[in-house]
N, C-alpha and C. Protein backbone atom coordinates (compact mmCIF):
# COMPACT_ATOMS: atom_id res chain seq x y z
N UNK A 1 0.11 22.35 4.33
CA UNK A 1 -0.57 21.73 3.19
C UNK A 1 -2.08 21.90 3.34
N UNK A 2 -2.75 22.21 2.28
CA UNK A 2 -4.19 22.39 2.31
C UNK A 2 -4.85 21.21 1.61
N UNK A 3 -5.86 20.65 2.23
CA UNK A 3 -6.58 19.54 1.63
C UNK A 3 -7.26 19.98 0.33
N UNK A 4 -7.24 19.12 -0.65
CA UNK A 4 -7.87 19.44 -1.93
C UNK A 4 -9.38 19.57 -1.75
N UNK A 5 -9.97 18.58 -1.11
CA UNK A 5 -11.38 18.67 -0.78
C UNK A 5 -11.59 18.06 0.59
N UNK A 6 -12.57 18.53 1.30
CA UNK A 6 -12.78 18.06 2.65
C UNK A 6 -14.23 18.29 3.03
N UNK A 7 -14.85 17.28 3.63
CA UNK A 7 -16.26 17.40 3.95
C UNK A 7 -16.51 17.70 5.41
N UNK A 8 -15.52 17.45 6.26
CA UNK A 8 -15.73 17.68 7.68
C UNK A 8 -14.41 17.75 8.42
N UNK A 9 -14.38 18.40 9.56
CA UNK A 9 -13.19 18.41 10.41
C UNK A 9 -13.54 17.78 11.75
N UNK A 10 -14.47 16.87 11.76
CA UNK A 10 -14.96 16.26 12.99
C UNK A 10 -13.91 15.36 13.63
N UNK A 11 -14.23 14.09 13.83
CA UNK A 11 -13.35 13.18 14.54
C UNK A 11 -12.08 12.91 13.75
N UNK A 12 -11.00 12.58 14.48
CA UNK A 12 -9.73 12.29 13.85
C UNK A 12 -9.80 11.00 13.04
N UNK A 13 -8.99 10.93 12.00
CA UNK A 13 -9.02 9.76 11.13
C UNK A 13 -8.18 8.62 11.70
N UNK A 14 -8.51 7.41 11.30
CA UNK A 14 -7.68 6.24 11.56
C UNK A 14 -7.95 5.25 10.44
N UNK A 15 -6.91 4.61 9.95
CA UNK A 15 -7.06 3.71 8.82
C UNK A 15 -7.75 2.43 9.26
N UNK A 16 -8.90 2.14 8.64
CA UNK A 16 -9.65 0.94 8.98
C UNK A 16 -9.71 -0.07 7.84
N UNK A 17 -9.46 0.38 6.62
CA UNK A 17 -9.48 -0.54 5.48
C UNK A 17 -8.78 0.07 4.28
N UNK A 18 -8.34 -0.79 3.37
CA UNK A 18 -7.73 -0.37 2.11
C UNK A 18 -8.50 -1.03 0.98
N UNK A 19 -9.06 -0.22 0.09
CA UNK A 19 -9.85 -0.73 -1.02
C UNK A 19 -9.14 -0.45 -2.34
N UNK A 20 -8.89 -1.49 -3.11
CA UNK A 20 -8.32 -1.36 -4.43
C UNK A 20 -9.43 -1.28 -5.46
N UNK A 21 -9.35 -0.31 -6.34
CA UNK A 21 -10.34 -0.17 -7.40
C UNK A 21 -9.84 -0.92 -8.63
N UNK A 22 -10.63 -1.85 -9.11
CA UNK A 22 -10.20 -2.73 -10.21
C UNK A 22 -11.23 -2.71 -11.33
N UNK A 23 -10.76 -2.99 -12.53
CA UNK A 23 -11.66 -3.02 -13.69
C UNK A 23 -12.49 -4.30 -13.72
N UNK A 24 -11.84 -5.45 -13.44
CA UNK A 24 -12.50 -6.74 -13.48
C UNK A 24 -12.55 -7.30 -12.06
N UNK A 25 -13.69 -7.14 -11.40
CA UNK A 25 -13.82 -7.51 -9.99
C UNK A 25 -13.64 -9.01 -9.77
N UNK A 26 -14.26 -9.82 -10.60
CA UNK A 26 -14.17 -11.27 -10.44
C UNK A 26 -12.74 -11.76 -10.62
N UNK A 27 -12.05 -11.23 -11.64
CA UNK A 27 -10.67 -11.63 -11.89
C UNK A 27 -9.76 -11.21 -10.75
N UNK A 28 -10.00 -10.02 -10.22
CA UNK A 28 -9.17 -9.53 -9.12
C UNK A 28 -9.37 -10.38 -7.87
N UNK A 29 -10.59 -10.78 -7.59
CA UNK A 29 -10.84 -11.64 -6.44
C UNK A 29 -10.11 -12.96 -6.58
N UNK A 30 -10.12 -13.52 -7.77
CA UNK A 30 -9.42 -14.78 -8.03
C UNK A 30 -7.92 -14.61 -7.84
N UNK A 31 -7.38 -13.51 -8.35
CA UNK A 31 -5.94 -13.27 -8.22
C UNK A 31 -5.53 -13.13 -6.77
N UNK A 32 -6.23 -12.30 -6.00
CA UNK A 32 -5.79 -12.04 -4.63
C UNK A 32 -5.96 -13.25 -3.72
N UNK A 33 -6.92 -14.09 -4.00
CA UNK A 33 -7.02 -15.35 -3.25
C UNK A 33 -5.82 -16.24 -3.55
N UNK A 34 -5.46 -16.34 -4.82
CA UNK A 34 -4.32 -17.17 -5.22
C UNK A 34 -3.00 -16.59 -4.69
N UNK A 35 -2.89 -15.28 -4.69
CA UNK A 35 -1.70 -14.60 -4.19
C UNK A 35 -1.56 -14.80 -2.68
N UNK A 36 -2.71 -14.91 -2.00
CA UNK A 36 -2.70 -15.15 -0.56
C UNK A 36 -2.77 -13.90 0.28
N UNK A 37 -3.28 -12.79 -0.29
CA UNK A 37 -3.33 -11.53 0.46
C UNK A 37 -4.74 -10.93 0.48
N UNK A 38 -5.74 -11.75 0.14
CA UNK A 38 -7.10 -11.22 0.03
C UNK A 38 -7.66 -10.72 1.37
N UNK A 39 -7.09 -11.16 2.48
CA UNK A 39 -7.59 -10.70 3.78
C UNK A 39 -7.15 -9.28 4.11
N UNK A 40 -6.20 -8.75 3.36
CA UNK A 40 -5.65 -7.44 3.68
C UNK A 40 -6.26 -6.28 2.90
N UNK A 41 -6.92 -6.57 1.80
CA UNK A 41 -7.50 -5.50 0.99
C UNK A 41 -8.94 -5.81 0.60
N UNK A 42 -9.68 -4.75 0.41
CA UNK A 42 -11.03 -4.87 -0.15
C UNK A 42 -10.95 -4.51 -1.63
N UNK A 43 -11.95 -4.92 -2.38
CA UNK A 43 -11.96 -4.64 -3.82
C UNK A 43 -13.29 -4.01 -4.21
N UNK A 44 -13.24 -3.10 -5.16
CA UNK A 44 -14.47 -2.56 -5.73
C UNK A 44 -14.23 -2.21 -7.20
N UNK A 45 -15.27 -2.36 -7.99
CA UNK A 45 -15.15 -2.13 -9.43
C UNK A 45 -15.04 -0.64 -9.72
N UNK A 46 -14.21 -0.30 -10.69
CA UNK A 46 -14.05 1.09 -11.11
C UNK A 46 -13.52 1.14 -12.53
N UNK A 47 -13.99 2.11 -13.28
CA UNK A 47 -13.50 2.36 -14.64
C UNK A 47 -12.76 3.69 -14.71
N UNK A 48 -12.39 4.23 -13.54
CA UNK A 48 -11.71 5.53 -13.50
C UNK A 48 -10.40 5.48 -14.29
N UNK A 49 -10.16 6.44 -15.18
CA UNK A 49 -8.93 6.46 -15.97
C UNK A 49 -7.69 6.52 -15.08
N UNK A 50 -6.67 5.75 -15.41
CA UNK A 50 -5.44 5.74 -14.65
C UNK A 50 -4.31 5.26 -15.55
N UNK A 51 -3.26 6.05 -15.65
CA UNK A 51 -2.13 5.67 -16.50
C UNK A 51 -0.83 5.81 -15.72
N UNK A 52 0.15 4.97 -16.04
CA UNK A 52 1.46 5.06 -15.41
C UNK A 52 1.45 4.70 -13.94
N UNK A 53 2.38 5.27 -13.20
CA UNK A 53 2.54 4.97 -11.77
C UNK A 53 1.37 5.56 -10.98
N UNK A 54 0.72 4.74 -10.18
CA UNK A 54 -0.44 5.19 -9.42
C UNK A 54 -0.06 5.82 -8.08
N UNK A 55 1.22 5.86 -7.77
CA UNK A 55 1.66 6.59 -6.59
C UNK A 55 1.62 5.85 -5.28
N UNK A 56 1.47 4.54 -5.31
CA UNK A 56 1.47 3.79 -4.05
C UNK A 56 1.90 2.36 -4.30
N UNK A 57 2.25 1.70 -3.20
CA UNK A 57 2.49 0.26 -3.24
C UNK A 57 1.99 -0.35 -1.94
N UNK A 58 1.67 -1.63 -1.98
CA UNK A 58 1.36 -2.36 -0.76
C UNK A 58 2.57 -3.26 -0.49
N UNK A 59 3.18 -3.08 0.67
CA UNK A 59 4.40 -3.79 1.01
C UNK A 59 4.14 -4.87 2.05
N UNK A 60 4.60 -6.08 1.76
CA UNK A 60 4.49 -7.20 2.69
C UNK A 60 5.85 -7.46 3.32
N UNK A 61 5.92 -7.48 4.63
CA UNK A 61 7.15 -7.86 5.31
C UNK A 61 6.99 -9.28 5.81
N UNK A 62 7.93 -10.14 5.46
CA UNK A 62 7.88 -11.55 5.86
C UNK A 62 9.17 -11.92 6.58
N UNK A 63 9.27 -13.17 7.03
CA UNK A 63 10.37 -13.55 7.92
C UNK A 63 11.66 -13.96 7.24
N UNK A 64 11.60 -14.43 5.98
CA UNK A 64 12.80 -14.99 5.36
C UNK A 64 12.67 -15.02 3.84
N UNK A 65 13.80 -15.17 3.13
CA UNK A 65 13.79 -15.19 1.67
C UNK A 65 12.87 -16.25 1.06
N UNK A 66 12.79 -17.42 1.67
CA UNK A 66 11.94 -18.47 1.12
C UNK A 66 10.48 -18.04 1.04
N UNK A 67 10.05 -17.27 2.02
CA UNK A 67 8.67 -16.79 2.03
C UNK A 67 8.46 -15.69 1.00
N UNK A 68 9.48 -14.85 0.81
CA UNK A 68 9.42 -13.86 -0.27
C UNK A 68 9.22 -14.58 -1.60
N UNK A 69 10.06 -15.60 -1.84
CA UNK A 69 9.97 -16.35 -3.09
C UNK A 69 8.61 -17.01 -3.25
N UNK A 70 8.05 -17.52 -2.15
CA UNK A 70 6.75 -18.17 -2.21
C UNK A 70 5.65 -17.23 -2.64
N UNK A 71 5.65 -16.01 -2.11
CA UNK A 71 4.63 -15.04 -2.48
C UNK A 71 4.83 -14.55 -3.92
N UNK A 72 6.07 -14.33 -4.30
CA UNK A 72 6.35 -13.89 -5.67
C UNK A 72 5.90 -14.96 -6.67
N UNK A 73 6.24 -16.19 -6.40
CA UNK A 73 5.86 -17.28 -7.29
C UNK A 73 4.34 -17.42 -7.38
N UNK A 74 3.65 -17.30 -6.24
CA UNK A 74 2.19 -17.40 -6.24
C UNK A 74 1.57 -16.28 -7.06
N UNK A 75 2.12 -15.07 -6.93
CA UNK A 75 1.60 -13.93 -7.66
C UNK A 75 1.79 -14.12 -9.16
N UNK A 76 2.97 -14.56 -9.56
CA UNK A 76 3.27 -14.77 -10.99
C UNK A 76 2.39 -15.87 -11.57
N UNK A 77 2.22 -16.96 -10.84
CA UNK A 77 1.38 -18.05 -11.32
C UNK A 77 -0.08 -17.60 -11.49
N UNK A 78 -0.48 -16.60 -10.69
CA UNK A 78 -1.85 -16.10 -10.76
C UNK A 78 -2.02 -15.00 -11.81
N UNK A 79 -0.89 -14.57 -12.43
CA UNK A 79 -1.00 -13.59 -13.50
C UNK A 79 -0.25 -12.29 -13.29
N UNK A 80 0.49 -12.15 -12.19
CA UNK A 80 1.25 -10.92 -11.95
C UNK A 80 2.49 -10.85 -12.83
N UNK A 81 3.01 -9.64 -12.99
CA UNK A 81 4.23 -9.39 -13.75
C UNK A 81 5.33 -8.99 -12.76
N UNK A 82 6.52 -9.55 -12.92
CA UNK A 82 7.64 -9.21 -12.06
C UNK A 82 8.25 -7.88 -12.51
N UNK A 83 8.29 -6.90 -11.62
CA UNK A 83 8.93 -5.62 -11.91
C UNK A 83 10.38 -5.62 -11.47
N UNK A 84 10.64 -6.28 -10.34
CA UNK A 84 12.01 -6.45 -9.85
C UNK A 84 12.12 -7.87 -9.29
N UNK A 85 12.93 -8.71 -9.89
CA UNK A 85 13.09 -10.07 -9.39
C UNK A 85 13.58 -10.07 -7.94
N UNK A 86 13.14 -11.05 -7.17
CA UNK A 86 13.58 -11.15 -5.78
C UNK A 86 15.09 -11.35 -5.73
N UNK A 87 15.77 -10.55 -4.91
CA UNK A 87 17.22 -10.64 -4.81
C UNK A 87 17.69 -10.03 -3.50
N UNK A 88 18.96 -10.27 -3.17
CA UNK A 88 19.54 -9.72 -1.96
C UNK A 88 19.88 -8.24 -2.17
N UNK A 89 19.82 -7.50 -1.08
CA UNK A 89 20.21 -6.09 -1.11
C UNK A 89 20.89 -5.76 0.21
N UNK A 90 21.29 -4.53 0.35
CA UNK A 90 21.92 -4.09 1.61
C UNK A 90 20.96 -4.30 2.78
N UNK A 91 19.64 -4.12 2.52
CA UNK A 91 18.64 -4.17 3.58
C UNK A 91 18.10 -5.57 3.84
N UNK A 92 18.34 -6.51 2.93
CA UNK A 92 17.80 -7.85 3.12
C UNK A 92 17.55 -8.56 1.81
N UNK A 93 16.29 -8.92 1.58
CA UNK A 93 15.94 -9.68 0.38
C UNK A 93 14.51 -9.33 0.00
N UNK A 94 14.26 -9.05 -1.28
CA UNK A 94 12.91 -8.68 -1.67
C UNK A 94 12.71 -8.63 -3.16
N UNK A 95 11.46 -8.54 -3.57
CA UNK A 95 11.09 -8.44 -4.96
C UNK A 95 9.82 -7.63 -5.12
N UNK A 96 9.52 -7.24 -6.36
CA UNK A 96 8.34 -6.40 -6.64
C UNK A 96 7.55 -7.00 -7.80
N UNK A 97 6.24 -7.09 -7.62
CA UNK A 97 5.36 -7.60 -8.67
C UNK A 97 4.20 -6.64 -8.88
N UNK A 98 3.61 -6.72 -10.08
CA UNK A 98 2.45 -5.89 -10.38
C UNK A 98 1.28 -6.80 -10.70
N UNK A 99 0.20 -6.64 -9.96
CA UNK A 99 -0.99 -7.46 -10.14
C UNK A 99 -1.65 -7.14 -11.48
N UNK A 100 -2.47 -8.05 -12.00
CA UNK A 100 -3.17 -7.80 -13.26
C UNK A 100 -4.01 -6.51 -13.24
N UNK A 101 -4.49 -6.10 -12.06
CA UNK A 101 -5.29 -4.88 -11.97
C UNK A 101 -4.42 -3.63 -11.95
N UNK A 102 -3.09 -3.79 -11.88
CA UNK A 102 -2.19 -2.65 -11.90
C UNK A 102 -1.55 -2.30 -10.58
N UNK A 103 -2.07 -2.85 -9.48
CA UNK A 103 -1.51 -2.57 -8.16
C UNK A 103 -0.12 -3.17 -8.03
N UNK A 104 0.81 -2.40 -7.49
CA UNK A 104 2.18 -2.87 -7.29
C UNK A 104 2.35 -3.36 -5.86
N UNK A 105 2.93 -4.55 -5.73
CA UNK A 105 3.18 -5.17 -4.43
C UNK A 105 4.67 -5.40 -4.26
N UNK A 106 5.17 -5.06 -3.08
CA UNK A 106 6.57 -5.34 -2.73
C UNK A 106 6.60 -6.35 -1.61
N UNK A 107 7.38 -7.41 -1.76
CA UNK A 107 7.50 -8.43 -0.73
C UNK A 107 8.94 -8.47 -0.29
N UNK A 108 9.21 -8.30 1.01
CA UNK A 108 10.59 -8.19 1.46
C UNK A 108 10.79 -8.74 2.87
N UNK A 109 12.04 -9.01 3.17
CA UNK A 109 12.45 -9.44 4.51
C UNK A 109 13.80 -8.82 4.83
N UNK A 110 14.06 -8.58 6.10
CA UNK A 110 15.37 -8.07 6.50
C UNK A 110 16.39 -9.20 6.60
N UNK A 111 15.90 -10.45 6.60
CA UNK A 111 16.80 -11.61 6.68
C UNK A 111 17.41 -11.90 5.32
N UNK A 112 18.64 -12.38 5.32
CA UNK A 112 19.31 -12.73 4.07
C UNK A 112 19.49 -14.24 3.91
N UNK A 113 19.16 -14.98 4.98
CA UNK A 113 19.27 -16.43 4.94
C UNK A 113 17.99 -17.07 5.46
N UNK A 114 17.67 -18.24 4.95
CA UNK A 114 16.48 -18.96 5.39
C UNK A 114 16.73 -19.70 6.69
N UNK A 115 15.70 -19.78 7.50
CA UNK A 115 15.75 -20.56 8.73
C UNK A 115 14.82 -21.75 8.66
N UNK A 116 14.15 -21.91 7.53
CA UNK A 116 13.21 -23.01 7.35
C UNK A 116 12.50 -22.86 6.03
N UNK A 117 11.47 -23.68 5.78
CA UNK A 117 10.73 -23.60 4.52
C UNK A 117 9.81 -22.39 4.47
N UNK A 118 9.30 -22.10 3.30
CA UNK A 118 8.33 -21.02 3.08
C UNK A 118 7.12 -21.22 3.98
N UNK A 119 6.79 -20.22 4.78
CA UNK A 119 5.64 -20.31 5.68
C UNK A 119 4.38 -19.65 5.11
N UNK A 120 4.55 -18.83 4.06
CA UNK A 120 3.44 -18.05 3.49
C UNK A 120 2.74 -17.22 4.57
N UNK A 121 3.50 -16.78 5.54
CA UNK A 121 2.98 -15.95 6.63
C UNK A 121 3.46 -14.52 6.46
N UNK A 122 2.55 -13.57 6.60
CA UNK A 122 2.88 -12.15 6.51
C UNK A 122 3.04 -11.58 7.91
N UNK A 123 4.17 -10.92 8.16
CA UNK A 123 4.40 -10.31 9.47
C UNK A 123 3.81 -8.91 9.56
N UNK A 124 3.87 -8.17 8.44
CA UNK A 124 3.38 -6.78 8.46
C UNK A 124 2.98 -6.37 7.05
N UNK A 125 1.92 -5.57 6.97
CA UNK A 125 1.46 -5.02 5.69
C UNK A 125 1.44 -3.50 5.81
N UNK A 126 2.06 -2.83 4.85
CA UNK A 126 2.12 -1.37 4.87
C UNK A 126 1.63 -0.81 3.54
N UNK A 127 0.69 0.11 3.61
CA UNK A 127 0.28 0.86 2.43
C UNK A 127 1.19 2.07 2.35
N UNK A 128 2.05 2.11 1.35
CA UNK A 128 3.04 3.17 1.23
C UNK A 128 2.61 4.15 0.14
N UNK A 129 2.30 5.37 0.55
CA UNK A 129 1.87 6.40 -0.38
C UNK A 129 3.05 7.23 -0.84
N UNK A 130 3.18 7.41 -2.14
CA UNK A 130 4.22 8.27 -2.69
C UNK A 130 3.68 9.69 -2.80
N UNK A 131 4.28 10.62 -2.07
CA UNK A 131 3.79 12.00 -2.02
C UNK A 131 4.89 12.97 -2.43
N UNK A 132 4.49 14.16 -2.82
CA UNK A 132 5.45 15.16 -3.27
C UNK A 132 6.24 15.78 -2.12
N UNK A 133 5.58 15.99 -0.99
CA UNK A 133 6.23 16.63 0.16
C UNK A 133 5.90 15.82 1.40
N UNK A 134 6.83 14.97 1.82
CA UNK A 134 6.58 14.07 2.95
C UNK A 134 6.29 14.84 4.23
N UNK A 135 7.09 15.88 4.51
CA UNK A 135 6.90 16.64 5.75
C UNK A 135 5.53 17.31 5.79
N UNK A 136 5.13 17.90 4.69
CA UNK A 136 3.84 18.60 4.65
C UNK A 136 2.68 17.62 4.79
N UNK A 137 2.77 16.47 4.09
CA UNK A 137 1.70 15.49 4.19
C UNK A 137 1.65 14.89 5.58
N UNK A 138 2.80 14.69 6.20
CA UNK A 138 2.85 14.22 7.58
C UNK A 138 2.10 15.18 8.50
N UNK A 139 2.39 16.48 8.37
CA UNK A 139 1.73 17.47 9.20
C UNK A 139 0.23 17.48 8.97
N UNK A 140 -0.15 17.31 7.71
CA UNK A 140 -1.56 17.28 7.35
C UNK A 140 -2.28 16.13 8.06
N UNK A 141 -1.68 14.93 7.98
CA UNK A 141 -2.32 13.76 8.57
C UNK A 141 -2.29 13.79 10.10
N UNK A 142 -1.21 14.33 10.66
CA UNK A 142 -1.17 14.49 12.11
C UNK A 142 -2.27 15.44 12.56
N UNK A 143 -2.48 16.48 11.77
CA UNK A 143 -3.56 17.41 12.08
C UNK A 143 -4.93 16.77 12.00
N UNK A 144 -5.04 15.71 11.22
CA UNK A 144 -6.30 14.99 11.08
C UNK A 144 -6.48 13.92 12.17
N UNK A 145 -5.42 13.69 12.97
CA UNK A 145 -5.58 12.77 14.09
C UNK A 145 -4.69 11.55 14.10
N UNK A 146 -3.84 11.37 13.06
CA UNK A 146 -2.96 10.21 13.05
C UNK A 146 -1.73 10.47 13.93
N UNK A 147 -1.19 9.40 14.52
CA UNK A 147 0.01 9.51 15.35
C UNK A 147 1.21 8.92 14.61
N UNK A 148 2.34 9.58 14.70
CA UNK A 148 3.55 9.12 14.01
C UNK A 148 4.27 8.06 14.84
N UNK A 149 4.60 6.95 14.19
CA UNK A 149 5.37 5.89 14.85
C UNK A 149 6.84 5.99 14.52
N UNK A 150 7.16 6.31 13.24
CA UNK A 150 8.54 6.47 12.79
C UNK A 150 8.60 7.65 11.84
N UNK A 151 9.70 8.40 11.90
CA UNK A 151 9.85 9.53 11.00
C UNK A 151 11.33 9.76 10.71
N UNK A 152 11.67 9.81 9.41
CA UNK A 152 13.03 10.06 8.99
C UNK A 152 13.05 11.30 8.10
N UNK A 153 12.95 12.46 8.76
CA UNK A 153 12.97 13.74 8.06
C UNK A 153 11.94 13.83 6.97
N UNK A 154 12.38 14.26 5.80
CA UNK A 154 11.47 14.40 4.67
C UNK A 154 11.50 13.19 3.76
N UNK A 155 12.01 12.06 4.25
CA UNK A 155 12.14 10.88 3.40
C UNK A 155 11.05 9.83 3.65
N UNK A 156 10.74 9.55 4.91
CA UNK A 156 9.83 8.45 5.23
C UNK A 156 9.10 8.73 6.54
N UNK A 157 7.83 8.43 6.56
CA UNK A 157 7.02 8.55 7.77
C UNK A 157 6.11 7.33 7.87
N UNK A 158 6.04 6.73 9.04
CA UNK A 158 5.11 5.63 9.28
C UNK A 158 4.20 6.01 10.44
N UNK A 159 2.91 5.84 10.26
CA UNK A 159 1.96 6.19 11.29
C UNK A 159 1.64 4.99 12.18
N UNK A 160 1.29 5.27 13.42
CA UNK A 160 0.99 4.22 14.38
C UNK A 160 -0.28 3.49 13.98
N UNK A 161 -0.27 2.19 14.18
CA UNK A 161 -1.44 1.38 13.89
C UNK A 161 -2.50 1.61 14.95
N UNK A 162 -3.75 1.66 14.53
CA UNK A 162 -4.84 1.86 15.48
C UNK A 162 -5.44 0.55 15.95
N UNK A 163 -5.04 -0.56 15.33
CA UNK A 163 -5.60 -1.85 15.69
C UNK A 163 -6.87 -2.16 14.95
N UNK A 164 -7.37 -1.21 14.14
CA UNK A 164 -8.61 -1.42 13.39
C UNK A 164 -8.37 -1.99 12.00
N UNK A 165 -7.12 -2.04 11.57
CA UNK A 165 -6.81 -2.52 10.24
C UNK A 165 -5.53 -3.33 10.29
N UNK A 166 -5.43 -4.39 9.49
CA UNK A 166 -4.19 -5.16 9.42
C UNK A 166 -3.12 -4.43 8.61
N UNK A 167 -3.47 -3.27 8.05
CA UNK A 167 -2.55 -2.53 7.19
C UNK A 167 -2.13 -1.22 7.86
N UNK A 168 -0.81 -0.97 7.89
CA UNK A 168 -0.29 0.28 8.40
C UNK A 168 -0.19 1.29 7.25
N UNK A 169 -0.08 2.56 7.60
CA UNK A 169 0.04 3.62 6.61
C UNK A 169 1.40 4.29 6.73
N UNK A 170 2.05 4.52 5.58
CA UNK A 170 3.34 5.20 5.58
C UNK A 170 3.44 6.12 4.37
N UNK A 171 4.37 7.08 4.45
CA UNK A 171 4.60 8.05 3.38
C UNK A 171 6.03 7.97 2.90
N UNK A 172 6.22 8.14 1.59
CA UNK A 172 7.55 8.12 0.99
C UNK A 172 7.54 9.12 -0.16
N UNK A 173 8.67 9.66 -0.49
CA UNK A 173 8.75 10.59 -1.62
C UNK A 173 8.34 9.85 -2.90
N UNK A 174 7.46 10.44 -3.68
CA UNK A 174 6.92 9.75 -4.86
C UNK A 174 8.01 9.27 -5.82
N UNK A 175 8.93 10.15 -6.17
CA UNK A 175 9.98 9.77 -7.12
C UNK A 175 10.85 8.66 -6.55
N UNK A 176 11.15 8.72 -5.26
CA UNK A 176 11.98 7.69 -4.62
C UNK A 176 11.25 6.36 -4.57
N UNK A 177 9.94 6.42 -4.34
CA UNK A 177 9.15 5.19 -4.29
C UNK A 177 9.12 4.53 -5.66
N UNK A 178 8.90 5.31 -6.70
CA UNK A 178 8.88 4.77 -8.06
C UNK A 178 10.22 4.12 -8.40
N UNK A 179 11.30 4.77 -8.03
CA UNK A 179 12.64 4.22 -8.29
C UNK A 179 12.83 2.91 -7.57
N UNK A 180 12.39 2.85 -6.32
CA UNK A 180 12.53 1.63 -5.52
C UNK A 180 11.73 0.48 -6.13
N UNK A 181 10.60 0.80 -6.75
CA UNK A 181 9.73 -0.23 -7.33
C UNK A 181 10.15 -0.60 -8.75
N UNK A 182 11.03 0.21 -9.34
CA UNK A 182 11.50 -0.08 -10.69
C UNK A 182 10.57 0.38 -11.79
N UNK A 183 9.84 1.48 -11.54
CA UNK A 183 8.92 2.01 -12.54
C UNK A 183 9.15 3.51 -12.71
N UNK A 184 8.77 4.09 -13.87
CA UNK A 184 8.85 5.54 -14.05
C UNK A 184 7.90 6.24 -13.08
N UNK A 185 8.26 7.42 -12.64
CA UNK A 185 7.44 8.13 -11.65
C UNK A 185 6.21 8.79 -12.26
N UNK A 186 6.17 8.95 -13.58
CA UNK A 186 5.06 9.64 -14.22
C UNK A 186 3.77 8.82 -14.13
N UNK A 187 2.66 9.51 -13.94
CA UNK A 187 1.37 8.86 -13.90
C UNK A 187 0.27 9.89 -13.82
N UNK A 188 -0.89 9.56 -14.36
CA UNK A 188 -2.02 10.48 -14.34
C UNK A 188 -3.30 9.74 -13.99
N UNK A 189 -4.31 10.50 -13.62
CA UNK A 189 -5.61 9.91 -13.34
C UNK A 189 -5.74 9.38 -11.92
N UNK A 190 -6.66 8.47 -11.75
CA UNK A 190 -6.99 7.95 -10.43
C UNK A 190 -5.84 7.13 -9.84
N UNK A 191 -5.68 7.22 -8.51
CA UNK A 191 -4.72 6.35 -7.83
C UNK A 191 -5.24 4.92 -7.77
N UNK A 192 -6.54 4.76 -7.92
CA UNK A 192 -7.20 3.44 -7.85
C UNK A 192 -7.05 2.78 -6.48
N UNK A 193 -7.00 3.58 -5.43
CA UNK A 193 -7.00 3.06 -4.07
C UNK A 193 -7.81 4.01 -3.20
N UNK A 194 -8.59 3.45 -2.28
CA UNK A 194 -9.41 4.25 -1.37
C UNK A 194 -9.07 3.82 0.06
N UNK A 195 -8.80 4.80 0.91
CA UNK A 195 -8.48 4.53 2.30
C UNK A 195 -9.74 4.70 3.14
N UNK A 196 -10.09 3.67 3.89
CA UNK A 196 -11.26 3.75 4.76
C UNK A 196 -10.86 4.27 6.12
N UNK A 197 -11.60 5.26 6.62
CA UNK A 197 -11.28 5.85 7.91
C UNK A 197 -12.50 6.00 8.78
N UNK A 198 -12.28 6.46 10.00
CA UNK A 198 -13.39 6.61 10.93
C UNK A 198 -13.97 8.02 10.92
N UNK A 199 -13.36 8.91 10.16
CA UNK A 199 -13.89 10.28 10.05
C UNK A 199 -14.62 10.42 8.72
N UNK A 200 -15.18 11.59 8.49
CA UNK A 200 -15.82 11.87 7.21
C UNK A 200 -14.76 11.87 6.11
N UNK A 201 -15.20 11.60 4.88
CA UNK A 201 -14.27 11.48 3.78
C UNK A 201 -13.63 12.79 3.36
N UNK A 202 -12.45 12.68 2.76
CA UNK A 202 -11.76 13.83 2.19
C UNK A 202 -10.75 13.32 1.18
N UNK A 203 -10.20 14.22 0.39
CA UNK A 203 -9.13 13.91 -0.55
C UNK A 203 -7.93 14.76 -0.20
N UNK A 204 -6.75 14.14 -0.01
CA UNK A 204 -5.59 14.92 0.39
C UNK A 204 -4.97 15.63 -0.81
N UNK A 205 -3.92 16.40 -0.56
CA UNK A 205 -3.33 17.24 -1.59
C UNK A 205 -2.65 16.45 -2.70
N UNK A 206 -2.33 15.17 -2.45
CA UNK A 206 -1.75 14.32 -3.48
C UNK A 206 -2.80 13.50 -4.21
N UNK A 207 -4.06 13.74 -3.88
CA UNK A 207 -5.15 13.07 -4.58
C UNK A 207 -5.57 11.74 -4.00
N UNK A 208 -5.04 11.35 -2.84
CA UNK A 208 -5.46 10.10 -2.22
C UNK A 208 -6.79 10.30 -1.49
N UNK A 209 -7.72 9.40 -1.77
CA UNK A 209 -9.09 9.53 -1.28
C UNK A 209 -9.30 8.74 0.01
N UNK A 210 -9.89 9.41 1.00
CA UNK A 210 -10.34 8.76 2.22
C UNK A 210 -11.86 8.76 2.22
N UNK A 211 -12.46 7.67 2.60
CA UNK A 211 -13.91 7.59 2.72
C UNK A 211 -14.28 7.07 4.10
N UNK A 212 -15.43 7.52 4.59
CA UNK A 212 -15.90 7.03 5.88
C UNK A 212 -16.20 5.54 5.77
N UNK A 213 -15.66 4.77 6.67
CA UNK A 213 -15.88 3.32 6.67
C UNK A 213 -16.87 2.95 7.76
N UNK A 214 -17.73 1.96 7.52
CA UNK A 214 -18.67 1.52 8.53
C UNK A 214 -17.93 1.03 9.78
N UNK A 215 -18.54 1.18 10.94
CA UNK A 215 -17.93 0.72 12.18
C UNK A 215 -17.63 -0.76 12.10
N UNK A 216 -16.41 -1.12 12.47
CA UNK A 216 -16.03 -2.53 12.46
C UNK A 216 -15.72 -3.07 11.09
N UNK A 217 -15.60 -2.19 10.09
CA UNK A 217 -15.34 -2.65 8.72
C UNK A 217 -14.01 -3.36 8.65
N UNK A 218 -13.95 -4.42 7.86
CA UNK A 218 -12.72 -5.19 7.65
C UNK A 218 -12.44 -5.25 6.16
N UNK A 219 -11.17 -5.46 5.80
CA UNK A 219 -10.85 -5.56 4.39
C UNK A 219 -11.61 -6.68 3.73
């Protein structure tokens, strides 16, 4: 895979922050505080055209169904739209919501029964990018310095956390990701997400933008 644009081949990349581009910055800040996930993402204003599926989701892994329900309810009360109601599945229990700014969030647990009340605690956050060719994009990112933690052929890849960000990075087939989220796969324009890294900025072949992040930057 060849990078669409690239400014440098210097130091290897590592994910240090995730920035969501939103039209209404004040409203987005209010929403994410109410949703309870403002510590995991940064926000910046943007008017970049974007239609349909933006090609990514932010996935929250929690401990039990009650916590899934708590996050879904908080998101809806703050203005989110439910794309897939929280329900049991073969893998556990989960639901999908779309924030007022358009970002899609998936909240899930591998547990099917509650062990206590809603804790509103997040165990893991994953930025899941929907790409056309998982194997090729994996090779591209490995070449840029990322280490693979999990890999399931051409279906799913998760990169090792560097400890610099509370968010992990993973890859999934774009069409499969859209199906899992309950939305059409078609989409055009900006992804409306920027990945902060420790290397110089570049844009990958699927159009996801990486920018150099200041040392010690936090979401």
